[in-house]
Amino acid sequence: MTGPALARRPLAGVALMLGAMAVLPAIDVIAKHLGQEGLPILQIVWARLGLGAVMALPLALRIAGPAALVPDRPAYHAARAALLAGATFCFFLALKTLPIADALAIFFVNPLVVTILSALVLRERVGPRRWAAVAVGFVGTLIIIRPGFVALNPGSLLALASGTLLASYLVMTRAIAGRAHAVVTTFQTSLIGGVLLSLVVPFVWRAPDATEWVLLALLALIANLGHLMIVRAYDHAEASLLAPLAYTEMVTSVLMGLIFFRDFPDGWTFLGVGILIGCATYISMRERAAGRQR
């Protein structure tokens, strides 16, 4: 389906994006619960990628056939898989000591890091107003973490590392945009990540019971479903329209954290999140304007 035809269904894109943001925080709830129950974080990440790849295999084969099993640039995709696995590991580990909403709030730094890396690595032009938005966004991050004002939680640094690693993954993904279908590329990344983790996960393996296997499979299923909804959303609407909607995930995260773990962010966290969302939304609007000029 062509771009103009899809552009006539922006409401479908918005609905799909909001739906994805509503279900994805369930991954964090499951990961936090399993981590608190003593299941190794590396094993949870392995399930997220490895089981996710198995579940996505039929769809990838339907889209690209057997070619989906062979990435065109294996080393490049392996590097992307390592970044994604590292980002997931750091975030799941952060959840052991941070409320879900707080970890996600710090993780929201990743659009700002993407802007920085896009300028430094991809040589994209970033104007002074977008640089100013990045600077203000980092102020928002500092408000959430408050170094020197409250005891520094190691989870805050892990969430920050997760956002930075994912930003690097996204920049590498942007560099190969259009070479393959997004679902196929994501499947290949999960497949390679699952294989790489299978080499090390035996060293920390703890045999899951039946309930834990169900939760691990559910985690992978929700991750795949959420990603598929995001991919389909971008089929129907412009990225600049959808990007700010990603922050509605914060609402679901607050609710799930309150329901399952009795966690609720303080006022400073909400202030920092508001600043981050405002800056990322402004950056998205600037990218939309720049795209129209091009």
Protein backbone atom coordinates (compact mmCIF):
# COMPACT_ATOMS: atom_id res chain seq x y z
CA MET A 1 0.00 0.00 0.00
CA THR A 2 1.36 3.38 -0.95
CA GLY A 3 2.07 6.27 1.33
CA PRO A 4 -0.74 8.55 0.07
CA ALA A 5 -3.29 5.78 0.52
CA LEU A 6 -2.15 5.11 4.04
CA ALA A 7 -2.07 8.79 4.92
CA ARG A 8 -5.89 8.86 4.73
CA ARG A 9 -6.11 6.70 7.89
CA PRO A 10 -4.27 8.72 10.55
CA LEU A 11 -6.93 7.87 13.15
CA ALA A 12 -6.17 4.18 12.68
CA GLY A 13 -2.48 4.95 13.24
CA VAL A 14 -3.27 6.91 16.40
CA ALA A 15 -5.50 4.12 17.72
CA LEU A 16 -2.83 1.48 17.07
CA MET A 17 -0.11 3.56 18.76
CA LEU A 18 -2.30 4.22 21.82
CA GLY A 19 -3.15 0.52 21.97
CA ALA A 20 0.53 -0.42 21.90
CA MET A 21 1.34 2.04 24.67
CA ALA A 22 -1.50 0.60 26.73
CA VAL A 23 -0.21 -3.00 26.58
CA LEU A 24 3.59 -2.60 26.54
CA PRO A 25 3.95 -1.66 30.25
CA ALA A 26 2.68 -5.16 31.03
CA ILE A 27 6.15 -6.33 29.94
CA ASP A 28 7.69 -4.27 32.74
CA VAL A 29 5.22 -5.64 35.28
CA ILE A 30 6.08 -9.23 34.33
CA ALA A 31 9.84 -8.55 34.24
CA LYS A 32 9.75 -6.80 37.63
CA HIS A 33 7.72 -9.63 39.18
CA LEU A 34 9.99 -12.36 37.79
CA GLY A 35 13.09 -10.44 38.89
CA GLN A 36 11.74 -10.08 42.40
CA GLU A 37 10.98 -13.82 42.43
CA GLY A 38 14.67 -14.50 41.81
CA LEU A 39 14.67 -15.40 38.12
CA PRO A 40 17.97 -14.14 36.60
CA ILE A 41 17.50 -10.95 34.58
CA LEU A 42 19.62 -12.37 31.76
CA GLN A 43 17.19 -15.27 31.50
CA ILE A 44 14.23 -12.88 31.26
CA VAL A 45 15.98 -10.93 28.47
CA TRP A 46 16.74 -14.22 26.69
CA ALA A 47 13.03 -15.09 26.78
CA ARG A 48 12.08 -11.64 25.52
CA LEU A 49 14.30 -12.00 22.44
CA GLY A 50 14.51 -15.76 21.88
CA LEU A 51 10.88 -16.67 22.46
CA GLY A 52 9.89 -13.45 20.70
CA ALA A 53 11.83 -14.53 17.61
CA VAL A 54 10.11 -17.94 17.59
CA MET A 55 6.69 -16.28 17.82
CA ALA A 56 7.51 -13.76 15.07
CA LEU A 57 8.95 -16.39 12.72
CA PRO A 58 5.67 -17.22 10.86
CA LEU A 59 4.96 -13.55 10.17
CA ALA A 60 8.54 -12.88 9.01
CA LEU A 61 8.41 -15.88 6.67
CA ARG A 62 5.08 -14.72 5.31
CA ILE A 63 6.53 -11.28 4.52
CA ALA A 64 9.97 -12.20 3.18
CA GLY A 65 10.05 -15.99 2.80
CA PRO A 66 13.23 -17.93 3.69
CA ALA A 67 15.27 -14.76 3.10
CA ALA A 68 14.02 -13.52 6.48
CA LEU A 69 16.32 -16.07 8.13
CA VAL A 70 19.47 -14.57 6.58
CA PRO A 71 20.26 -10.91 7.42
CA ASP A 72 22.03 -9.09 4.59
CA ARG A 73 24.60 -7.62 7.02
CA PRO A 74 25.06 -10.15 9.84
CA ALA A 75 27.76 -8.24 11.76
CA TYR A 76 25.74 -5.02 11.65
CA HIS A 77 22.59 -6.75 12.86
CA ALA A 78 24.59 -8.54 15.56
CA ALA A 79 25.75 -5.15 16.87
CA ARG A 80 22.15 -3.90 16.87
CA ALA A 81 21.03 -7.06 18.67
CA ALA A 82 23.72 -6.57 21.31
CA LEU A 83 22.58 -2.98 21.90
CA LEU A 84 18.93 -4.03 22.18
CA ALA A 85 19.79 -6.88 24.54
CA GLY A 86 21.91 -4.51 26.64
CA ALA A 87 19.15 -1.90 26.79
CA THR A 88 16.58 -4.52 27.80
CA PHE A 89 18.91 -6.02 30.42
CA CYS A 90 19.66 -2.63 32.00
CA PHE A 91 15.98 -1.67 32.10
CA PHE A 92 14.80 -4.97 33.59
CA LEU A 93 17.60 -4.78 36.17
CA ALA A 94 16.62 -1.19 37.00
CA LEU A 95 13.09 -2.43 37.75
CA LYS A 96 14.44 -4.46 40.67
CA THR A 97 15.14 -1.23 42.60
CA LEU A 98 12.95 1.40 40.90
CA PRO A 99 9.19 1.78 40.45
CA ILE A 100 8.14 1.12 36.85
CA ALA A 101 7.07 4.72 36.22
CA ASP A 102 10.34 6.15 37.59
CA ALA A 103 12.46 3.82 35.45
CA LEU A 104 10.39 4.67 32.38
CA ALA A 105 10.63 8.38 33.15
CA ILE A 106 14.45 8.26 33.10
CA PHE A 107 14.34 5.98 30.05
CA PHE A 108 12.51 8.77 28.19
CA VAL A 109 15.90 10.43 27.69
CA ASN A 110 16.40 8.23 24.61
CA PRO A 111 14.77 10.59 22.03
CA LEU A 112 17.19 13.29 23.15
CA VAL A 113 20.16 10.95 22.79
CA VAL A 114 18.88 9.94 19.34
CA THR A 115 18.98 13.61 18.32
CA ILE A 116 22.58 13.94 19.55
CA LEU A 117 23.75 10.73 17.87
CA SER A 118 21.93 11.59 14.65
CA ALA A 119 24.01 14.76 14.42
CA LEU A 120 27.32 13.15 15.44
CA VAL A 121 27.01 9.77 13.68
CA LEU A 122 24.55 10.22 10.81
CA ARG A 123 25.64 13.81 10.14
CA GLU A 124 22.04 14.99 10.16
CA ARG A 125 21.58 18.73 10.51
CA VAL A 126 20.36 19.75 13.96
CA GLY A 127 19.49 23.42 14.38
CA PRO A 128 20.08 25.54 17.49
CA ARG A 129 16.46 25.26 18.65
CA ARG A 130 16.61 21.47 18.66
CA TRP A 131 19.92 21.59 20.53
CA ALA A 132 18.23 23.86 23.06
CA ALA A 133 15.41 21.33 23.43
CA VAL A 134 17.98 18.59 24.07
CA ALA A 135 19.65 20.72 26.76
CA VAL A 136 16.34 21.45 28.48
CA GLY A 137 15.43 17.77 28.24
CA PHE A 138 18.56 16.82 30.14
CA VAL A 139 17.53 19.28 32.83
CA GLY A 140 14.28 17.32 33.04
CA THR A 141 16.28 14.11 33.47
CA LEU A 142 18.31 15.67 36.28
CA ILE A 143 15.10 16.75 38.02
CA ILE A 144 13.92 13.12 37.99
CA ILE A 145 17.23 11.68 39.23
CA ARG A 146 18.13 14.66 41.50
CA PRO A 147 21.81 13.76 41.97
CA GLY A 148 23.15 15.26 45.21
CA PHE A 149 19.65 15.94 46.57
CA VAL A 150 18.47 12.38 47.18
CA ALA A 151 20.41 9.14 47.61
CA LEU A 152 21.36 8.01 44.12
CA ASN A 153 19.57 4.78 43.26
CA PRO A 154 21.71 2.47 41.07
CA GLY A 155 18.50 1.76 39.19
CA SER A 156 18.46 5.37 37.96
CA LEU A 157 21.86 4.90 36.30
CA LEU A 158 20.71 1.59 34.81
CA ALA A 159 17.57 3.21 33.36
CA LEU A 160 19.72 6.02 31.95
CA ALA A 161 22.09 3.46 30.41
CA SER A 162 19.10 1.61 28.97
CA GLY A 163 17.78 4.75 27.28
CA THR A 164 21.24 5.54 25.87
CA LEU A 165 21.77 2.01 24.55
CA LEU A 166 18.33 1.97 22.92
CA ALA A 167 19.05 5.35 21.33
CA SER A 168 22.20 3.86 19.79
CA TYR A 169 20.14 0.92 18.54
CA LEU A 170 17.57 3.28 16.99
CA VAL A 171 20.25 5.34 15.24
CA MET A 172 21.73 2.15 13.74
CA THR A 173 18.21 1.14 12.69
CA ARG A 174 17.60 4.54 11.10
CA ALA A 175 20.82 4.13 9.08
CA ILE A 176 19.42 1.01 7.34
CA ALA A 177 15.81 2.17 7.07
CA GLY A 178 14.07 0.92 3.93
CA ARG A 179 16.40 -2.02 3.27
CA ALA A 180 13.86 -4.53 4.61
CA HIS A 181 10.38 -4.65 6.13
CA ALA A 182 10.36 -3.41 9.72
CA VAL A 183 8.86 -6.66 11.00
CA VAL A 184 11.55 -8.70 9.25
CA THR A 185 14.34 -6.49 10.57
CA THR A 186 12.97 -6.75 14.11
CA PHE A 187 12.63 -10.52 13.81
CA GLN A 188 16.24 -10.81 12.65
CA THR A 189 17.41 -8.66 15.55
CA SER A 190 15.49 -10.78 18.07
CA LEU A 191 16.77 -13.98 16.45
CA ILE A 192 20.41 -12.91 16.59
CA GLY A 193 19.97 -11.55 20.12
CA GLY A 194 18.36 -14.80 21.24
CA VAL A 195 21.21 -16.85 19.73
CA LEU A 196 23.89 -14.65 21.33
CA LEU A 197 22.21 -14.82 24.74
CA SER A 198 21.82 -18.59 24.41
CA LEU A 199 25.62 -18.78 24.59
CA VAL A 200 25.76 -17.16 28.03
CA VAL A 201 22.38 -17.80 29.68
CA PRO A 202 23.27 -21.41 30.66
CA PHE A 203 25.77 -19.97 33.16
CA VAL A 204 22.94 -18.30 35.14
CA TRP A 205 20.06 -20.59 34.20
CA ARG A 206 17.46 -21.36 36.82
CA ALA A 207 14.78 -23.83 35.77
CA PRO A 208 11.48 -21.88 35.64
CA ASP A 209 8.37 -23.48 37.05
CA ALA A 210 5.18 -23.76 34.99
CA THR A 211 3.88 -20.33 36.05
CA GLU A 212 7.19 -18.65 35.21
CA TRP A 213 7.27 -20.26 31.77
CA VAL A 214 3.78 -18.92 31.12
CA LEU A 215 4.86 -15.44 32.21
CA LEU A 216 8.01 -15.57 30.08
CA ALA A 217 5.97 -16.60 27.03
CA LEU A 218 3.40 -13.89 27.79
CA LEU A 219 6.18 -11.30 28.05
CA ALA A 220 7.49 -12.25 24.60
CA LEU A 221 3.97 -12.32 23.13
CA ILE A 222 3.08 -8.86 24.46
CA ALA A 223 6.39 -7.47 23.19
CA ASN A 224 5.72 -8.83 19.70
CA LEU A 225 2.11 -7.67 19.71
CA GLY A 226 3.07 -4.19 20.86
CA HIS A 227 5.79 -3.87 18.25
CA LEU A 228 3.49 -5.09 15.48
CA MET A 229 0.91 -2.49 16.48
CA ILE A 230 3.58 0.22 16.36
CA VAL A 231 4.76 -0.90 12.91
CA ARG A 232 1.19 -0.87 11.63
CA ALA A 233 0.61 2.53 13.21
CA TYR A 234 3.52 3.97 11.24
CA ASP A 235 1.99 2.43 8.10
CA HIS A 236 -1.08 4.60 8.60
CA ALA A 237 0.22 7.91 9.98
CA GLU A 238 3.26 10.17 9.96
CA ALA A 239 6.03 9.57 12.47
CA SER A 240 5.82 13.16 13.71
CA LEU A 241 2.13 12.63 14.57
CA LEU A 242 2.72 9.35 16.38
CA ALA A 243 6.00 10.05 18.21
CA PRO A 244 4.49 12.21 21.02
CA LEU A 245 1.82 9.55 21.62
CA ALA A 246 4.54 7.18 22.84
CA TYR A 247 4.55 9.13 26.09
CA THR A 248 1.04 7.94 26.91
CA GLU A 249 2.87 4.79 28.04
CA MET A 250 3.67 6.75 31.20
CA VAL A 251 -0.03 6.79 32.14
CA THR A 252 -0.36 3.01 31.88
CA SER A 253 2.94 2.52 33.71
CA VAL A 254 1.78 4.65 36.64
CA LEU A 255 -1.50 2.73 36.84
CA MET A 256 0.14 -0.70 36.63
CA GLY A 257 2.82 0.25 39.13
CA LEU A 258 0.12 1.40 41.54
CA ILE A 259 -2.06 -1.68 41.04
CA PHE A 260 0.63 -4.36 41.17
CA PHE A 261 3.38 -2.85 43.34
CA ARG A 262 1.76 0.08 45.19
CA ASP A 263 4.28 2.46 43.59
CA PHE A 264 3.47 6.06 42.70
CA PRO A 265 5.90 8.70 41.37
CA ASP A 266 6.46 11.89 43.36
CA GLY A 267 5.83 15.40 42.09
CA TRP A 268 9.44 15.98 41.00
CA THR A 269 9.27 12.92 38.74
CA PHE A 270 6.10 14.20 37.09
CA LEU A 271 7.74 17.59 36.58
CA GLY A 272 10.80 16.01 34.95
CA VAL A 273 8.63 13.80 32.76
CA GLY A 274 6.62 16.84 31.66
CA ILE A 275 9.82 18.62 30.61
CA LEU A 276 11.09 15.55 28.74
CA ILE A 277 7.79 15.04 26.92
CA GLY A 278 7.63 18.71 25.97
CA CYS A 279 11.17 18.68 24.59
CA ALA A 280 10.72 15.41 22.67
CA THR A 281 7.42 16.66 21.20
CA TYR A 282 9.12 19.88 20.08
CA ILE A 283 11.94 17.88 18.47
CA SER A 284 9.35 15.77 16.65
CA MET A 285 7.61 18.90 15.36
CA ARG A 286 10.94 20.31 14.15
CA GLU A 287 11.71 17.06 12.33
CA ARG A 288 8.29 17.21 10.69
CA ALA A 289 8.93 20.78 9.55
CA ALA A 290 12.38 19.85 8.26
CA GLY A 291 10.95 16.89 6.38
CA ARG A 292 8.41 19.12 4.64
CA GLN A 293 11.16 21.55 3.62
CA ARG A 294 13.22 18.68 2.17
